[in-house]
Amino acid sequence: MRPPAAFPGGYDVTVVGGGVVGAAIAFGLAEGGQRVAVLDEGDRAQRAARTNFGLAWLQSKGDGMPAYMRWTRRSTDLWPQFAARLKEASGVDTEYRKPGGVVYCLSDVEWDEQRARIARLGAQAAVFDSEMIDRGRLEKLMPEARFGAEMVGASYCPHDGHLNPLLLLRALHAAMQRAGVRYLPETAARGLRYQGRRFVVDTASGAVESGKVVLAAGHGTPALAEAVGINAPIYAQRGQILVTERLRPFLPVPGSGLRQTEDGTVLIGSSKEDTGFDDRTTVAVGVQLASRALRIIPELARVRLQRTWGGIRVLTGDGHPIYAQSERCPGAFVALCHSGVTLAAVHAADLARAVQDGALPELMSGFHPGRFDVQKAA
């Protein structure tokens, strides 16, 4: 059975993938007047938003690729307006806040390493604006936090923020559908064909046709991308997160690996494990995460853990996104990244406009997957 068309003339763009990346692009396209269909596996999909730490983060992004740093800075600049627009369009508050962010240093060695990293990133692009703050300044920044004896200080970036990724996904889905997007849940893409300058996505419910297609289905993307001549090499990485009971507000600034949510819970994370698609949690990793958190805030030893979870990241070989349009089948785009939350604002704005215009701008040329062929040849 063919899924019913939302528009008499069919779709301008089919977005394959209903996670944060695909939904943000679809929302932006619909706001631009495009007729959009979103194909989504539904609750069976390994949603990155379900296991995301919730940072809209510039720090540490783009080492070795200044374009990625600028792309990320563009998104963090857009996020306040994007969050307000999403709330108005969906009625959902994503709990986005932008107090800046910190990376904690628990020794002189960590301090020196982070200072060198900050200097290196700052030399690559003038958009970074991070600085090192000693323990005294850190305590003034978060006066209610009682740091452990090992705390030396942190790096601080004013462009960082945090939010609830589950509410972000909910807001995007509500906003894109209110904007006219045809959402097709439980409709996984089984194949992709290019016929007569139009794209046909085959599903169990029938074929969905459109003038353009955006492949943003995470680990389901590479096989579909091959059909339009795009090599999209990615791999899976597991991350685990611990969640505490609700506490009084005491961490107003999010940190890498430690942040407090709007409802008072503290998130502790996250691991980086090459375990394939195994998203199970382990006691050993939980102990490692908790141990570092206790070195930062020793009082957490008296707090109860409520739950833990594991999730699968979408990663490329250099950690930077992949954006590309097919040369063989113009109008077919690929969008892959592990920072879908951070980049949601720029995906809904700049990337959606580029898809609508039918061409990625020159500044995005460095994100093409052909860079991996060059690296292999070197």
Protein backbone atom coordinates (compact mmCIF):
# COMPACT_ATOMS: atom_id res chain seq x y z
CA MET A 1 0.00 0.00 0.00
CA ARG A 2 1.39 3.41 -0.97
CA PRO A 3 1.61 5.92 1.92
CA PRO A 4 -0.86 8.75 1.20
CA ALA A 5 0.67 11.94 -0.14
CA ALA A 6 0.37 15.03 2.02
CA PHE A 7 0.35 17.33 -1.01
CA PRO A 8 -1.41 16.99 -4.38
CA GLY A 9 1.88 17.41 -6.26
CA GLY A 10 3.85 15.02 -4.10
CA TYR A 11 6.90 15.88 -2.01
CA ASP A 12 9.74 18.28 -2.67
CA VAL A 13 12.03 16.51 -0.18
CA THR A 14 12.00 13.15 1.58
CA VAL A 15 14.01 13.08 4.79
CA VAL A 16 15.04 9.57 5.81
CA GLY A 17 15.46 9.57 9.57
CA GLY A 18 13.24 11.04 12.26
CA GLY A 19 15.86 11.64 14.94
CA VAL A 20 17.20 15.04 15.97
CA VAL A 21 19.27 15.49 12.79
CA GLY A 22 16.51 14.54 10.34
CA ALA A 23 13.76 16.33 12.26
CA ALA A 24 15.76 19.57 12.48
CA ILE A 25 16.41 19.57 8.74
CA ALA A 26 12.78 18.73 8.01
CA PHE A 27 11.57 21.55 10.27
CA GLY A 28 13.82 24.03 8.52
CA LEU A 29 12.71 22.86 5.09
CA ALA A 30 9.04 23.13 6.01
CA GLU A 31 9.58 26.63 7.38
CA GLY A 32 11.11 27.46 4.00
CA GLY A 33 7.93 26.39 2.22
CA GLN A 34 9.05 22.93 1.11
CA ARG A 35 6.68 19.97 0.98
CA VAL A 36 8.44 17.42 3.16
CA ALA A 37 7.99 13.77 4.13
CA VAL A 38 9.92 12.21 7.03
CA LEU A 39 10.39 8.45 7.06
CA ASP A 40 11.13 7.08 10.51
CA GLU A 41 11.63 3.65 12.03
CA GLY A 42 9.75 4.87 15.07
CA ASP A 43 10.49 3.66 18.58
CA ARG A 44 12.64 0.81 17.27
CA ALA A 45 15.30 3.28 16.13
CA GLN A 46 18.41 3.78 18.27
CA ARG A 47 17.65 7.39 19.09
CA ALA A 48 20.79 9.31 19.96
CA ALA A 49 18.55 11.84 21.74
CA ARG A 50 17.52 9.18 24.23
CA THR A 51 21.07 8.68 25.38
CA ASN A 52 22.47 12.16 24.83
CA PHE A 53 24.15 14.16 27.59
CA GLY A 54 22.33 17.30 26.49
CA LEU A 55 25.16 19.72 25.75
CA ALA A 56 25.07 22.42 23.08
CA TRP A 57 28.84 22.55 23.06
CA LEU A 58 31.63 24.39 21.29
CA GLN A 59 34.56 23.40 23.51
CA SER A 60 36.75 20.68 22.01
CA LYS A 61 34.93 20.73 18.65
CA GLY A 62 36.94 21.02 15.45
CA ASP A 63 40.51 20.18 16.35
CA GLY A 64 42.17 19.71 12.97
CA MET A 65 39.14 21.03 11.08
CA PRO A 66 38.58 24.76 11.68
CA ALA A 67 35.49 24.63 9.45
CA TYR A 68 33.82 22.36 12.01
CA MET A 69 34.65 24.83 14.77
CA ARG A 70 33.08 27.66 12.78
CA TRP A 71 30.05 25.51 11.92
CA THR A 72 29.60 24.67 15.61
CA ARG A 73 30.03 28.29 16.68
CA ARG A 74 27.41 29.28 14.11
CA SER A 75 25.00 26.81 15.71
CA THR A 76 25.69 27.89 19.29
CA ASP A 77 25.07 31.49 18.22
CA LEU A 78 21.75 30.46 16.65
CA TRP A 79 20.58 28.31 19.57
CA PRO A 80 18.89 30.99 21.73
CA GLN A 81 16.70 32.16 18.85
CA PHE A 82 16.17 28.57 17.69
CA ALA A 83 14.99 27.47 21.15
CA ALA A 84 12.52 30.36 21.29
CA ARG A 85 11.26 29.58 17.79
CA LEU A 86 10.82 25.90 18.64
CA LYS A 87 8.86 26.73 21.78
CA GLU A 88 6.55 29.03 19.85
CA ALA A 89 6.09 26.51 17.04
CA SER A 90 5.62 23.44 19.23
CA GLY A 91 4.56 24.60 22.69
CA VAL A 92 7.48 22.62 24.13
CA ASP A 93 10.26 24.20 26.20
CA THR A 94 13.54 22.42 25.46
CA GLU A 95 15.00 23.79 28.74
CA TYR A 96 17.84 25.36 26.78
CA ARG A 97 20.12 27.54 28.89
CA LYS A 98 23.39 29.22 27.89
CA PRO A 99 25.48 29.96 31.00
CA GLY A 100 28.72 28.85 29.34
CA GLY A 101 30.39 25.53 30.03
CA VAL A 102 33.45 24.10 31.75
CA VAL A 103 35.90 21.24 31.36
CA TYR A 104 37.19 20.32 34.82
CA CYS A 105 40.89 19.79 35.54
CA LEU A 106 41.74 17.52 38.49
CA SER A 107 45.52 17.85 38.38
CA ASP A 108 48.29 20.09 37.11
CA VAL A 109 48.79 17.61 34.29
CA GLU A 110 45.13 17.91 33.21
CA TRP A 111 45.38 21.70 33.53
CA ASP A 112 48.44 21.86 31.29
CA GLU A 113 46.90 19.50 28.75
CA GLN A 114 43.66 21.46 28.60
CA ARG A 115 45.48 24.79 28.39
CA ALA A 116 47.50 23.47 25.45
CA ARG A 117 44.32 22.18 23.81
CA ILE A 118 42.59 25.53 24.25
CA ALA A 119 45.57 27.36 22.78
CA ARG A 120 45.74 24.98 19.82
CA LEU A 121 42.03 25.31 19.06
CA GLY A 122 42.16 29.08 19.42
CA ALA A 123 45.05 29.26 16.96
CA GLN A 124 43.06 27.30 14.38
CA ALA A 125 40.00 29.59 14.42
CA ALA A 126 39.24 32.89 16.08
CA VAL A 127 35.74 31.77 17.10
CA PHE A 128 36.70 29.68 20.09
CA ASP A 129 36.90 32.32 22.87
CA SER A 130 37.69 29.86 25.68
CA GLU A 131 39.90 30.60 28.66
CA MET A 132 41.41 28.81 31.62
CA ILE A 133 39.99 29.73 35.03
CA ASP A 134 41.65 28.73 38.30
CA ARG A 135 39.88 27.16 41.25
CA GLY A 136 39.06 30.53 42.80
CA ARG A 137 37.25 31.76 39.69
CA LEU A 138 35.53 28.40 39.31
CA GLU A 139 34.18 28.65 42.86
CA LYS A 140 32.87 32.16 42.16
CA LEU A 141 31.19 30.85 39.02
CA MET A 142 29.47 28.06 40.99
CA PRO A 143 29.36 29.20 44.64
CA GLU A 144 27.00 26.41 45.77
CA ALA A 145 29.30 23.63 44.54
CA ARG A 146 31.81 22.17 46.98
CA PHE A 147 34.68 20.94 44.88
CA GLY A 148 37.09 18.22 45.89
CA ALA A 149 40.67 18.75 47.02
CA GLU A 150 42.05 17.71 43.63
CA MET A 151 40.21 20.44 41.73
CA VAL A 152 42.73 22.77 40.06
CA GLY A 153 40.40 24.73 37.79
CA ALA A 154 38.76 24.43 34.40
CA SER A 155 38.51 25.77 30.91
CA TYR A 156 35.46 27.98 30.37
CA CYS A 157 33.67 28.79 27.11
CA PRO A 158 30.86 31.37 27.12
CA HIS A 159 29.26 29.91 24.00
CA ASP A 160 28.37 26.58 25.62
CA GLY A 161 24.97 25.63 26.95
CA HIS A 162 22.74 22.68 27.78
CA LEU A 163 19.18 21.41 27.30
CA ASN A 164 16.92 18.39 27.56
CA PRO A 165 17.51 16.31 24.40
CA LEU A 166 14.27 14.35 24.84
CA LEU A 167 12.29 17.58 24.91
CA LEU A 168 14.25 18.77 21.88
CA LEU A 169 13.17 15.71 19.89
CA ARG A 170 9.59 16.14 21.08
CA ALA A 171 9.62 19.83 20.13
CA LEU A 172 11.08 19.15 16.69
CA HIS A 173 8.47 16.51 15.91
CA ALA A 174 5.61 18.74 17.03
CA ALA A 175 6.99 21.79 15.22
CA MET A 176 7.73 20.06 11.93
CA GLN A 177 4.28 18.47 11.78
CA ARG A 178 2.57 21.76 12.61
CA ALA A 179 4.62 23.29 9.80
CA GLY A 180 3.12 20.75 7.40
CA VAL A 181 5.67 17.93 7.36
CA ARG A 182 4.19 14.52 6.56
CA TYR A 183 5.54 12.26 9.29
CA LEU A 184 5.50 8.54 8.49
CA PRO A 185 6.43 6.51 11.60
CA GLU A 186 7.15 2.80 11.49
CA THR A 187 8.24 3.38 7.89
CA ALA A 188 11.84 2.30 7.52
CA ALA A 189 13.56 2.88 4.20
CA ARG A 190 14.39 -0.41 2.52
CA GLY A 191 15.96 0.96 -0.65
CA LEU A 192 16.57 4.07 -2.68
CA ARG A 193 16.26 4.57 -6.45
CA TYR A 194 16.92 7.52 -8.77
CA GLN A 195 14.43 7.56 -11.62
CA GLY A 196 13.82 10.37 -14.07
CA ARG A 197 15.50 12.94 -11.85
CA ARG A 198 13.27 11.95 -8.95
CA PHE A 199 13.99 9.80 -5.95
CA VAL A 200 11.99 6.78 -4.91
CA VAL A 201 12.39 5.45 -1.39
CA ASP A 202 11.03 1.93 -1.02
CA THR A 203 9.31 1.02 2.26
CA ALA A 204 7.19 -1.87 3.47
CA SER A 205 4.13 0.36 2.97
CA GLY A 206 5.00 1.36 -0.57
CA ALA A 207 7.16 3.88 -2.40
CA VAL A 208 7.66 7.52 -1.45
CA GLU A 209 8.72 9.84 -4.29
CA SER A 210 10.26 13.30 -4.18
CA GLY A 211 12.51 15.69 -6.05
CA LYS A 212 15.21 15.53 -3.40
CA VAL A 213 16.17 13.22 -0.57
CA VAL A 214 18.13 13.78 2.64
CA LEU A 215 19.69 10.70 4.24
CA ALA A 216 19.92 11.40 7.97
CA ALA A 217 19.23 7.98 9.43
CA GLY A 218 22.40 7.52 11.45
CA HIS A 219 23.77 4.01 11.10
CA GLY A 220 21.09 3.23 8.53
CA THR A 221 22.51 5.84 6.18
CA PRO A 222 25.61 4.23 4.58
CA ALA A 223 23.72 1.46 2.77
CA LEU A 224 21.23 3.94 1.32
CA ALA A 225 24.00 6.39 0.43
CA GLU A 226 25.73 3.74 -1.67
CA ALA A 227 22.69 3.68 -3.95
CA VAL A 228 23.34 7.30 -4.93
CA GLY A 229 27.12 6.98 -5.14
CA ILE A 230 28.11 8.42 -1.75
CA ASN A 231 30.54 6.59 0.51
CA ALA A 232 29.66 7.44 4.11
CA PRO A 233 32.07 5.61 6.45
CA ILE A 234 30.94 5.68 10.07
CA TYR A 235 31.28 3.44 13.10
CA ALA A 236 29.37 2.83 16.33
CA GLN A 237 30.60 3.88 19.75
CA ARG A 238 28.84 3.20 23.04
CA GLY A 239 28.41 5.83 25.73
CA GLN A 240 27.08 5.25 29.24
CA ILE A 241 25.50 7.83 31.57
CA LEU A 242 24.50 7.74 35.25
CA VAL A 243 21.57 9.73 36.68
CA THR A 244 21.16 10.73 40.33
CA GLU A 245 18.10 11.53 42.40
CA ARG A 246 16.82 15.12 42.36
CA LEU A 247 18.95 17.58 44.31
CA ARG A 248 18.84 21.27 45.19
CA PRO A 249 20.25 23.45 42.37
CA PHE A 250 24.03 23.72 42.85
CA LEU A 251 25.59 23.31 39.40
CA PRO A 252 24.40 26.31 37.32
CA VAL A 253 27.07 25.76 34.67
CA PRO A 254 27.23 22.48 32.72
CA GLY A 255 30.49 20.59 32.59
CA SER A 256 31.87 17.96 30.29
CA GLY A 257 30.86 14.77 32.09
CA LEU A 258 28.86 16.44 34.88
CA ARG A 259 25.77 18.63 34.68
CA GLN A 260 22.56 19.29 36.58
CA THR A 261 19.23 19.26 34.78
CA GLU A 262 16.26 21.58 35.25
CA ASP A 263 14.51 18.99 37.44
CA GLY A 264 17.52 18.71 39.76
CA THR A 265 18.98 15.38 38.69
CA VAL A 266 22.72 15.21 38.01
CA LEU A 267 23.96 13.51 34.86
CA ILE A 268 27.33 11.78 35.13
CA GLY A 269 29.08 10.62 32.01
CA SER A 270 29.95 9.72 29.52
CA SER A 271 32.08 6.82 28.38
CA LYS A 272 33.59 6.17 24.96
CA GLU A 273 33.59 2.45 24.18
CA ASP A 274 34.15 0.66 20.91
CA THR A 275 31.61 -2.11 21.46
CA GLY A 276 29.77 -2.07 18.16
CA PHE A 277 26.01 -1.87 18.54
CA ASP A 278 25.92 -3.31 22.07
CA ASP A 279 24.24 -0.58 24.13
CA ARG A 280 24.15 -2.43 27.46
CA THR A 281 25.49 -0.77 30.60
CA THR A 282 28.31 -2.23 32.67
CA VAL A 283 29.22 -1.91 36.34
CA ALA A 284 32.91 -1.38 35.53
CA VAL A 285 32.28 1.70 33.40
CA GLY A 286 29.72 2.98 35.90
CA VAL A 287 32.36 2.81 38.60
CA GLN A 288 34.82 4.79 36.44
CA LEU A 289 32.27 7.51 35.74
CA ALA A 290 31.18 7.75 39.38
CA SER A 291 34.76 7.81 40.63
CA ARG A 292 35.67 10.89 38.60
CA ALA A 293 32.42 12.62 39.56
CA LEU A 294 33.23 12.06 43.25
CA ARG A 295 36.66 13.59 42.77
CA ILE A 296 34.94 16.68 41.36
CA ILE A 297 32.07 16.85 43.91
CA PRO A 298 32.78 14.53 46.88
CA GLU A 299 29.30 15.17 48.37
CA LEU A 300 27.80 13.12 45.56
CA ALA A 301 28.88 10.05 47.56
CA ARG A 302 25.75 10.53 49.68
CA VAL A 303 23.44 10.74 46.67
CA ARG A 304 21.41 7.85 45.30
CA LEU A 305 21.74 6.80 41.68
CA GLN A 306 18.34 6.43 40.08
CA ARG A 307 19.21 4.86 36.76
CA THR A 308 21.84 4.36 34.11
CA TRP A 309 21.69 3.95 30.37
CA GLY A 310 23.84 3.23 27.36
CA GLY A 311 23.51 4.46 23.80
CA ILE A 312 25.22 4.28 20.43
CA ARG A 313 26.93 7.26 18.83
CA VAL A 314 27.38 7.90 15.11
CA LEU A 315 31.07 8.64 14.56
CA THR A 316 33.33 9.20 11.58
CA GLY A 317 37.02 8.37 11.51
CA ASP A 318 38.06 11.92 12.44
CA GLY A 319 35.05 12.71 14.63
CA HIS A 320 33.79 15.43 12.28
CA PRO A 321 30.47 15.45 10.40
CA ILE A 322 29.77 14.24 6.90
CA TYR A 323 27.70 16.44 4.60
CA ALA A 324 27.58 15.73 0.88
CA GLN A 325 25.44 15.90 -2.23
CA SER A 326 25.66 13.10 -4.76
CA GLU A 327 27.41 13.97 -8.01
CA ARG A 328 25.82 11.00 -9.73
CA CYS A 329 22.32 11.74 -8.46
CA PRO A 330 21.99 15.49 -7.82
CA GLY A 331 19.44 16.24 -5.13
CA ALA A 332 20.51 13.38 -2.85
CA PHE A 333 22.14 14.64 0.36
CA VAL A 334 23.79 12.91 3.29
CA ALA A 335 23.92 14.39 6.81
CA LEU A 336 25.80 12.44 9.48
CA CYS A 337 27.23 13.64 12.78
CA HIS A 338 27.53 12.74 16.45
CA SER A 339 26.64 16.29 17.58
CA GLY A 340 23.04 16.40 16.44
CA VAL A 341 21.91 18.31 19.53
CA THR A 342 24.60 20.98 19.29
CA LEU A 343 24.11 21.34 15.53
CA ALA A 344 20.31 21.24 15.51
CA ALA A 345 20.06 25.03 15.18
CA VAL A 346 22.34 25.27 12.16
CA HIS A 347 20.80 22.17 10.60
CA ALA A 348 17.36 23.80 10.74
CA ALA A 349 18.76 27.01 9.29
CA ASP A 350 21.82 26.86 7.02
CA LEU A 351 21.72 23.18 6.08
CA ALA A 352 17.99 23.20 5.34
CA ARG A 353 18.44 26.25 3.11
CA ALA A 354 21.31 24.56 1.28
CA VAL A 355 19.16 21.51 0.58
CA GLN A 356 16.33 23.72 -0.59
CA ASP A 357 18.71 25.63 -2.89
CA GLY A 358 20.13 22.36 -4.19
CA ALA A 359 23.79 23.08 -3.39
CA LEU A 360 26.00 22.91 -0.33
CA PRO A 361 28.05 26.11 0.16
CA GLU A 362 31.79 26.11 -0.38
CA LEU A 363 32.44 26.46 3.34
CA MET A 364 31.02 22.94 3.77
CA SER A 365 33.32 21.33 1.21
CA GLY A 366 35.66 20.10 3.93
CA PHE A 367 32.90 17.88 5.34
CA HIS A 368 32.73 15.76 2.19
CA PRO A 369 33.49 12.05 2.86
CA GLY A 370 36.11 12.17 0.09
CA ARG A 371 38.49 13.42 2.76
CA PHE A 372 38.77 9.87 4.06
CA ASP A 373 39.97 8.66 0.65
CA VAL A 374 42.69 11.32 0.78
CA GLN A 375 43.69 10.22 4.26
CA LYS A 376 43.97 6.60 3.12
CA ALA A 377 46.08 7.59 0.12
CA ALA A 378 48.41 9.61 2.35
